[in-house]
Amino acid sequence: MTPLYLLTAALMIVGWLAVFVSMRRMLKRTGAEVRFEFQRQIEALSAKIKDLEEAANARIADVGPEREASAAPILAQAQAPTPQASETITPETLAKITDTITALLGRKVQIRSVKILEIPETISSPWAQHGRAVIQASHNFASRRRES
């Protein structure tokens, strides 16, 4: 009876080993296929980027001094600041700003001036936004209060 149990255990171990080896081979083959596909896509994207850069450089080279002079008024209109709906800050808005900053800092603040900033039409790059966020997050207000 004992040899039957040993034979069954041995067959199960051999079966598990065979499944392990076959799965490992399949994963290696799949990984190589995925790596090849990614490499092909990266090369295709690199070629497209190179073509777009060459086309942009060709357009820049095609613009001569006479075209730059005719494009100047159009560029000036595009870069002109857009007027805000209301150019003044209402007392209610000023009170809300004061309350918000007081709640944020945890102490009473006095606002000396408020300006409406012109928002550019183009969105700044994500890298610039991230850089500003990192710099703002690095400011440690608690240590500044102890120093002053």
N, C-alpha and C. Protein backbone atom coordinates (compact mmCIF):
# COMPACT_ATOMS: atom_id res chain seq x y z
N MET A 1 0.80 -1.17 0.00
CA MET A 1 0.00 0.00 0.00
C MET A 1 0.86 1.26 0.00
N THR A 2 1.94 1.25 0.73
CA THR A 2 2.82 2.40 0.82
C THR A 2 3.46 2.73 -0.53
N PRO A 3 3.89 1.72 -1.32
CA PRO A 3 4.46 2.07 -2.61
C PRO A 3 3.46 2.77 -3.53
N LEU A 4 2.17 2.48 -3.39
CA LEU A 4 1.17 3.14 -4.20
C LEU A 4 1.09 4.63 -3.86
N TYR A 5 1.17 4.96 -2.58
CA TYR A 5 1.18 6.37 -2.16
C TYR A 5 2.43 7.09 -2.65
N LEU A 6 3.56 6.40 -2.56
CA LEU A 6 4.81 7.02 -3.04
C LEU A 6 4.77 7.23 -4.54
N LEU A 7 4.21 6.26 -5.29
CA LEU A 7 4.10 6.40 -6.74
C LEU A 7 3.17 7.56 -7.10
N THR A 8 2.06 7.70 -6.39
CA THR A 8 1.13 8.79 -6.63
C THR A 8 1.78 10.14 -6.33
N ALA A 9 2.49 10.25 -5.22
CA ALA A 9 3.17 11.49 -4.86
C ALA A 9 4.23 11.83 -5.90
N ALA A 10 4.99 10.83 -6.35
CA ALA A 10 6.04 11.06 -7.35
C ALA A 10 5.43 11.56 -8.66
N LEU A 11 4.31 10.96 -9.09
CA LEU A 11 3.65 11.39 -10.32
C LEU A 11 3.13 12.82 -10.19
N MET A 12 2.58 13.17 -9.03
CA MET A 12 2.11 14.54 -8.82
C MET A 12 3.26 15.53 -8.88
N ILE A 13 4.37 15.21 -8.26
CA ILE A 13 5.53 16.11 -8.27
C ILE A 13 6.06 16.27 -9.69
N VAL A 14 6.15 15.18 -10.45
CA VAL A 14 6.62 15.24 -11.83
C VAL A 14 5.65 16.09 -12.67
N GLY A 15 4.33 15.93 -12.44
CA GLY A 15 3.34 16.72 -13.18
C GLY A 15 3.48 18.20 -12.87
N TRP A 16 3.63 18.53 -11.59
CA TRP A 16 3.81 19.95 -11.22
C TRP A 16 5.08 20.52 -11.82
N LEU A 17 6.13 19.72 -11.82
CA LEU A 17 7.40 20.17 -12.40
C LEU A 17 7.23 20.41 -13.91
N ALA A 18 6.52 19.51 -14.59
CA ALA A 18 6.30 19.68 -16.03
C ALA A 18 5.48 20.95 -16.31
N VAL A 19 4.45 21.19 -15.51
CA VAL A 19 3.64 22.41 -15.68
C VAL A 19 4.50 23.64 -15.42
N PHE A 20 5.33 23.62 -14.39
CA PHE A 20 6.20 24.75 -14.07
C PHE A 20 7.14 25.07 -15.22
N VAL A 21 7.78 24.03 -15.76
CA VAL A 21 8.73 24.24 -16.86
C VAL A 21 8.02 24.77 -18.10
N SER A 22 6.86 24.23 -18.42
CA SER A 22 6.15 24.69 -19.62
C SER A 22 5.65 26.13 -19.45
N MET A 23 5.17 26.46 -18.25
CA MET A 23 4.71 27.83 -18.00
C MET A 23 5.88 28.82 -18.07
N ARG A 24 7.01 28.43 -17.55
CA ARG A 24 8.18 29.30 -17.58
C ARG A 24 8.62 29.57 -19.03
N ARG A 25 8.62 28.54 -19.87
CA ARG A 25 8.97 28.72 -21.27
C ARG A 25 7.97 29.64 -21.96
N MET A 26 6.67 29.45 -21.66
CA MET A 26 5.64 30.28 -22.28
C MET A 26 5.80 31.75 -21.85
N LEU A 27 6.10 31.99 -20.58
CA LEU A 27 6.29 33.36 -20.11
C LEU A 27 7.50 34.02 -20.75
N LYS A 28 8.58 33.27 -20.92
CA LYS A 28 9.77 33.82 -21.58
C LYS A 28 9.46 34.20 -23.02
N ARG A 29 8.73 33.31 -23.72
CA ARG A 29 8.39 33.58 -25.11
C ARG A 29 7.46 34.79 -25.21
N THR A 30 6.46 34.87 -24.33
CA THR A 30 5.53 36.00 -24.33
C THR A 30 6.26 37.30 -24.00
N GLY A 31 7.17 37.25 -23.03
CA GLY A 31 7.95 38.44 -22.68
C GLY A 31 8.78 38.94 -23.86
N ALA A 32 9.36 38.02 -24.60
CA ALA A 32 10.16 38.41 -25.77
C ALA A 32 9.26 39.04 -26.84
N GLU A 33 8.06 38.47 -27.03
CA GLU A 33 7.14 39.03 -28.02
C GLU A 33 6.70 40.43 -27.62
N VAL A 34 6.38 40.62 -26.35
CA VAL A 34 5.95 41.94 -25.87
C VAL A 34 7.08 42.95 -26.01
N ARG A 35 8.29 42.54 -25.65
CA ARG A 35 9.45 43.42 -25.76
C ARG A 35 9.67 43.82 -27.22
N PHE A 36 9.53 42.86 -28.14
CA PHE A 36 9.71 43.15 -29.56
C PHE A 36 8.63 44.13 -30.04
N GLU A 37 7.38 43.94 -29.61
CA GLU A 37 6.28 44.82 -30.01
C GLU A 37 6.51 46.24 -29.49
N PHE A 38 6.92 46.36 -28.22
CA PHE A 38 7.20 47.69 -27.66
C PHE A 38 8.33 48.37 -28.43
N GLN A 39 9.37 47.62 -28.75
CA GLN A 39 10.50 48.20 -29.49
C GLN A 39 10.04 48.69 -30.85
N ARG A 40 9.17 47.91 -31.52
CA ARG A 40 8.66 48.32 -32.82
C ARG A 40 7.82 49.59 -32.70
N GLN A 41 6.99 49.69 -31.67
CA GLN A 41 6.17 50.88 -31.48
C GLN A 41 7.04 52.10 -31.16
N ILE A 42 8.06 51.92 -30.35
CA ILE A 42 8.96 53.03 -30.01
C ILE A 42 9.68 53.53 -31.26
N GLU A 43 10.12 52.62 -32.10
CA GLU A 43 10.80 53.03 -33.33
C GLU A 43 9.84 53.77 -34.26
N ALA A 44 8.59 53.32 -34.34
CA ALA A 44 7.61 54.00 -35.20
C ALA A 44 7.32 55.40 -34.67
N LEU A 45 7.17 55.54 -33.35
CA LEU A 45 6.94 56.86 -32.77
C LEU A 45 8.15 57.78 -32.96
N SER A 46 9.33 57.24 -32.82
CA SER A 46 10.53 58.04 -33.03
C SER A 46 10.60 58.55 -34.46
N ALA A 47 10.23 57.70 -35.41
CA ALA A 47 10.24 58.13 -36.81
C ALA A 47 9.21 59.23 -37.05
N LYS A 48 8.02 59.11 -36.43
CA LYS A 48 6.99 60.14 -36.59
C LYS A 48 7.46 61.46 -35.98
N ILE A 49 8.08 61.40 -34.82
CA ILE A 49 8.57 62.62 -34.17
C ILE A 49 9.64 63.27 -35.03
N LYS A 50 10.52 62.48 -35.59
CA LYS A 50 11.57 63.02 -36.45
C LYS A 50 10.96 63.71 -37.67
N ASP A 51 9.95 63.07 -38.28
CA ASP A 51 9.28 63.68 -39.44
C ASP A 51 8.60 64.99 -39.05
N LEU A 52 7.93 65.02 -37.91
CA LEU A 52 7.27 66.25 -37.47
C LEU A 52 8.27 67.37 -37.18
N GLU A 53 9.40 67.03 -36.56
CA GLU A 53 10.43 68.03 -36.31
C GLU A 53 10.99 68.59 -37.60
N GLU A 54 11.21 67.71 -38.59
CA GLU A 54 11.73 68.18 -39.88
C GLU A 54 10.70 69.08 -40.57
N ALA A 55 9.42 68.73 -40.49
CA ALA A 55 8.39 69.56 -41.09
C ALA A 55 8.30 70.92 -40.40
N ALA A 56 8.42 70.93 -39.07
CA ALA A 56 8.39 72.20 -38.33
C ALA A 56 9.59 73.05 -38.69
N ASN A 57 10.76 72.45 -38.78
CA ASN A 57 11.96 73.20 -39.16
C ASN A 57 11.84 73.75 -40.58
N ALA A 58 11.22 72.99 -41.48
CA ALA A 58 11.03 73.47 -42.85
C ALA A 58 10.07 74.65 -42.88
N ARG A 59 9.02 74.61 -42.06
CA ARG A 59 8.08 75.73 -42.00
C ARG A 59 8.76 76.98 -41.44
N ILE A 60 9.59 76.80 -40.44
CA ILE A 60 10.30 77.94 -39.86
C ILE A 60 11.25 78.54 -40.89
N ALA A 61 11.92 77.69 -41.65
CA ALA A 61 12.86 78.18 -42.67
C ALA A 61 12.12 78.88 -43.81
N ASP A 62 10.87 78.45 -44.10
CA ASP A 62 10.10 79.06 -45.19
C ASP A 62 9.62 80.47 -44.84
N VAL A 63 9.50 80.80 -43.59
CA VAL A 63 9.00 82.12 -43.19
C VAL A 63 10.12 83.13 -43.40
N GLY A 64 9.95 84.00 -44.33
CA GLY A 64 10.95 85.02 -44.63
C GLY A 64 10.63 86.31 -43.90
N PRO A 65 11.47 87.36 -44.08
CA PRO A 65 11.22 88.63 -43.41
C PRO A 65 9.90 89.27 -43.83
N GLU A 66 9.52 89.12 -45.10
CA GLU A 66 8.26 89.74 -45.54
C GLU A 66 7.06 89.04 -44.91
N ARG A 67 7.13 87.73 -44.69
CA ARG A 67 6.02 87.02 -44.06
C ARG A 67 5.98 87.33 -42.57
N GLU A 68 7.15 87.53 -41.95
CA GLU A 68 7.17 87.88 -40.53
C GLU A 68 6.52 89.24 -40.31
N ALA A 69 6.76 90.19 -41.23
CA ALA A 69 6.17 91.52 -41.08
C ALA A 69 4.65 91.46 -41.24
N SER A 70 4.15 90.63 -42.15
CA SER A 70 2.70 90.51 -42.31
C SER A 70 2.06 89.74 -41.17
N ALA A 71 2.82 88.89 -40.50
CA ALA A 71 2.27 88.10 -39.40
C ALA A 71 2.33 88.84 -38.07
N ALA A 72 3.06 89.95 -38.00
CA ALA A 72 3.22 90.67 -36.73
C ALA A 72 1.89 91.16 -36.15
N PRO A 73 0.98 91.79 -36.95
CA PRO A 73 -0.30 92.20 -36.36
C PRO A 73 -1.14 91.04 -35.85
N ILE A 74 -1.08 89.92 -36.55
CA ILE A 74 -1.85 88.75 -36.12
C ILE A 74 -1.29 88.24 -34.80
N LEU A 75 0.04 88.18 -34.68
CA LEU A 75 0.65 87.73 -33.44
C LEU A 75 0.35 88.68 -32.30
N ALA A 76 0.32 89.99 -32.58
CA ALA A 76 0.02 90.97 -31.53
C ALA A 76 -1.40 90.79 -31.03
N GLN A 77 -2.34 90.50 -31.94
CA GLN A 77 -3.72 90.26 -31.52
C GLN A 77 -3.82 89.00 -30.69
N ALA A 78 -3.09 87.96 -31.08
CA ALA A 78 -3.16 86.70 -30.36
C ALA A 78 -2.56 86.82 -28.96
N GLN A 79 -1.54 87.69 -28.80
CA GLN A 79 -0.88 87.83 -27.52
C GLN A 79 -1.49 88.93 -26.66
N ALA A 80 -2.46 89.67 -27.19
CA ALA A 80 -3.08 90.75 -26.41
C ALA A 80 -3.86 90.15 -25.25
N PRO A 81 -3.76 90.76 -24.07
CA PRO A 81 -4.48 90.21 -22.92
C PRO A 81 -5.98 90.37 -23.11
N THR A 82 -6.70 89.35 -22.68
CA THR A 82 -8.15 89.40 -22.78
C THR A 82 -8.70 90.12 -21.57
N PRO A 83 -9.65 91.02 -21.75
CA PRO A 83 -10.19 91.75 -20.61
C PRO A 83 -11.01 90.83 -19.71
N GLN A 84 -10.89 91.04 -18.42
CA GLN A 84 -11.65 90.26 -17.45
C GLN A 84 -13.08 90.79 -17.41
N ALA A 85 -14.01 89.97 -16.95
CA ALA A 85 -15.41 90.38 -16.88
C ALA A 85 -15.56 91.52 -15.88
N SER A 86 -14.92 91.39 -14.74
CA SER A 86 -14.95 92.49 -13.77
C SER A 86 -13.51 92.78 -13.35
N GLU A 87 -13.08 93.99 -13.56
CA GLU A 87 -11.70 94.36 -13.28
C GLU A 87 -11.47 94.69 -11.81
N THR A 88 -12.52 94.83 -11.03
CA THR A 88 -12.36 95.21 -9.63
C THR A 88 -12.72 94.03 -8.73
N ILE A 89 -12.13 94.04 -7.56
CA ILE A 89 -12.41 93.03 -6.55
C ILE A 89 -13.50 93.58 -5.64
N THR A 90 -14.58 92.85 -5.48
CA THR A 90 -15.67 93.30 -4.62
C THR A 90 -15.30 93.06 -3.16
N PRO A 91 -15.89 93.80 -2.24
CA PRO A 91 -15.60 93.58 -0.81
C PRO A 91 -15.95 92.16 -0.35
N GLU A 92 -16.98 91.56 -0.93
CA GLU A 92 -17.33 90.19 -0.56
C GLU A 92 -16.23 89.21 -0.96
N THR A 93 -15.69 89.41 -2.16
CA THR A 93 -14.61 88.56 -2.63
C THR A 93 -13.37 88.73 -1.77
N LEU A 94 -13.06 89.97 -1.41
CA LEU A 94 -11.92 90.24 -0.55
C LEU A 94 -12.10 89.58 0.82
N ALA A 95 -13.32 89.61 1.35
CA ALA A 95 -13.59 88.97 2.64
C ALA A 95 -13.42 87.45 2.54
N LYS A 96 -13.87 86.86 1.43
CA LYS A 96 -13.71 85.42 1.24
C LYS A 96 -12.24 85.04 1.12
N ILE A 97 -11.48 85.86 0.41
CA ILE A 97 -10.04 85.59 0.28
C ILE A 97 -9.37 85.67 1.65
N THR A 98 -9.73 86.69 2.43
CA THR A 98 -9.16 86.85 3.77
C THR A 98 -9.51 85.65 4.65
N ASP A 99 -10.76 85.22 4.63
CA ASP A 99 -11.18 84.07 5.43
C ASP A 99 -10.45 82.80 5.02
N THR A 100 -10.27 82.62 3.72
CA THR A 100 -9.59 81.42 3.23
C THR A 100 -8.14 81.39 3.67
N ILE A 101 -7.45 82.50 3.53
CA ILE A 101 -6.03 82.54 3.93
C ILE A 101 -5.90 82.41 5.44
N THR A 102 -6.82 83.01 6.20
CA THR A 102 -6.79 82.87 7.65
C THR A 102 -6.97 81.41 8.05
N ALA A 103 -7.90 80.72 7.41
CA ALA A 103 -8.11 79.31 7.71
C ALA A 103 -6.91 78.47 7.30
N LEU A 104 -6.28 78.82 6.20
CA LEU A 104 -5.13 78.06 5.71
C LEU A 104 -3.92 78.22 6.64
N LEU A 105 -3.64 79.45 7.05
CA LEU A 105 -2.46 79.69 7.87
C LEU A 105 -2.72 79.49 9.37
N GLY A 106 -3.97 79.55 9.77
CA GLY A 106 -4.29 79.35 11.18
C GLY A 106 -4.09 80.58 12.04
N ARG A 107 -3.94 81.72 11.44
CA ARG A 107 -3.81 82.97 12.19
C ARG A 107 -4.41 84.10 11.37
N LYS A 108 -4.75 85.19 12.03
CA LYS A 108 -5.38 86.32 11.36
C LYS A 108 -4.40 86.99 10.41
N VAL A 109 -4.87 87.28 9.19
CA VAL A 109 -4.03 87.94 8.20
C VAL A 109 -4.69 89.24 7.76
N GLN A 110 -3.87 90.14 7.28
CA GLN A 110 -4.38 91.40 6.74
C GLN A 110 -3.91 91.49 5.29
N ILE A 111 -4.84 91.56 4.38
CA ILE A 111 -4.51 91.63 2.96
C ILE A 111 -4.31 93.08 2.59
N ARG A 112 -3.14 93.37 2.01
CA ARG A 112 -2.82 94.75 1.64
C ARG A 112 -3.25 95.07 0.22
N SER A 113 -3.13 94.09 -0.70
CA SER A 113 -3.56 94.34 -2.07
C SER A 113 -3.89 93.02 -2.75
N VAL A 114 -4.78 93.11 -3.72
CA VAL A 114 -5.18 91.96 -4.52
C VAL A 114 -5.16 92.40 -5.98
N LYS A 115 -4.57 91.59 -6.83
CA LYS A 115 -4.52 91.89 -8.26
C LYS A 115 -5.10 90.72 -9.03
N ILE A 116 -5.80 91.02 -10.10
CA ILE A 116 -6.29 89.99 -11.00
C ILE A 116 -5.19 89.73 -12.02
N LEU A 117 -4.71 88.51 -12.06
CA LEU A 117 -3.65 88.16 -12.99
C LEU A 117 -4.24 87.76 -14.33
N GLU A 118 -3.55 88.13 -15.38
CA GLU A 118 -3.96 87.73 -16.72
C GLU A 118 -3.58 86.27 -16.90
N ILE A 119 -4.52 85.48 -17.35
CA ILE A 119 -4.27 84.06 -17.57
C ILE A 119 -3.94 83.89 -19.04
N PRO A 120 -2.78 83.34 -19.35
CA PRO A 120 -2.44 83.15 -20.76
C PRO A 120 -3.35 82.11 -21.39
N GLU A 121 -3.55 82.24 -22.68
CA GLU A 121 -4.42 81.31 -23.40
C GLU A 121 -3.80 79.92 -23.50
N THR A 122 -2.47 79.87 -23.59
CA THR A 122 -1.81 78.58 -23.72
C THR A 122 -1.58 78.00 -22.34
N ILE A 123 -1.74 76.72 -22.23
CA ILE A 123 -1.51 76.03 -20.96
C ILE A 123 -0.02 75.77 -20.85
N SER A 124 0.54 76.05 -19.67
CA SER A 124 1.97 75.82 -19.50
C SER A 124 2.23 74.31 -19.50
N SER A 125 3.46 73.98 -19.72
CA SER A 125 3.80 72.56 -19.84
C SER A 125 3.65 71.85 -18.50
N PRO A 126 3.37 70.56 -18.54
CA PRO A 126 3.24 69.80 -17.28
C PRO A 126 4.53 69.80 -16.47
N TRP A 127 5.67 69.87 -17.15
CA TRP A 127 6.94 69.90 -16.42
C TRP A 127 7.04 71.19 -15.61
N ALA A 128 6.62 72.31 -16.19
CA ALA A 128 6.68 73.58 -15.47
C ALA A 128 5.71 73.56 -14.29
N GLN A 129 4.52 73.02 -14.49
CA GLN A 129 3.56 72.93 -13.39
C GLN A 129 4.10 72.07 -12.26
N HIS A 130 4.70 70.94 -12.60
CA HIS A 130 5.26 70.06 -11.58
C HIS A 130 6.41 70.74 -10.83
N GLY A 131 7.25 71.47 -11.56
CA GLY A 131 8.35 72.18 -10.91
C GLY A 131 7.85 73.21 -9.93
N ARG A 132 6.82 73.96 -10.32
CA ARG A 132 6.25 74.95 -9.39
C ARG A 132 5.66 74.27 -8.17
N ALA A 133 4.99 73.14 -8.37
CA ALA A 133 4.39 72.42 -7.25
C ALA A 133 5.47 71.92 -6.28
N VAL A 134 6.59 71.44 -6.81
CA VAL A 134 7.67 70.96 -5.95
C VAL A 134 8.26 72.11 -5.14
N ILE A 135 8.47 73.24 -5.79
CA ILE A 135 9.05 74.39 -5.08
C ILE A 135 8.09 74.89 -4.01
N GLN A 136 6.81 74.98 -4.33
CA GLN A 136 5.84 75.45 -3.34
C GLN A 136 5.72 74.47 -2.19
N ALA A 137 5.81 73.19 -2.46
CA ALA A 137 5.69 72.19 -1.40
C ALA A 137 6.93 72.17 -0.51
N SER A 138 8.05 72.67 -1.02
CA SER A 138 9.28 72.64 -0.23
C SER A 138 9.33 73.73 0.82
N HIS A 139 8.44 74.71 0.72
CA HIS A 139 8.42 75.79 1.70
C HIS A 139 7.87 75.27 3.02
N ASN A 140 8.61 75.45 4.07
CA ASN A 140 8.20 74.96 5.38
C ASN A 140 7.82 76.17 6.22
N PHE A 141 6.52 76.44 6.32
CA PHE A 141 6.05 77.63 7.03
C PHE A 141 6.28 77.52 8.53
N ALA A 142 6.25 76.33 9.08
CA ALA A 142 6.41 76.15 10.53
C ALA A 142 7.80 76.59 10.97
N SER A 143 8.84 76.25 10.20
CA SER A 143 10.20 76.64 10.59
C SER A 143 10.41 78.13 10.41
N ARG A 144 9.72 78.76 9.47
CA ARG A 144 9.85 80.20 9.29
C ARG A 144 9.26 80.96 10.46
N ARG A 145 8.15 80.46 11.02
CA ARG A 145 7.53 81.16 12.15
C ARG A 145 8.44 81.12 13.36
N ARG A 146 9.17 80.04 13.54
CA ARG A 146 10.08 79.96 14.70
C ARG A 146 11.26 80.92 14.56
N GLU A 147 11.72 81.12 13.31
CA GLU A 147 12.87 81.98 13.10
C GLU A 147 12.52 83.45 13.31
N SER A 148 11.30 83.87 12.97
CA SER A 148 10.95 85.28 13.05
C SER A 148 10.34 85.66 14.37
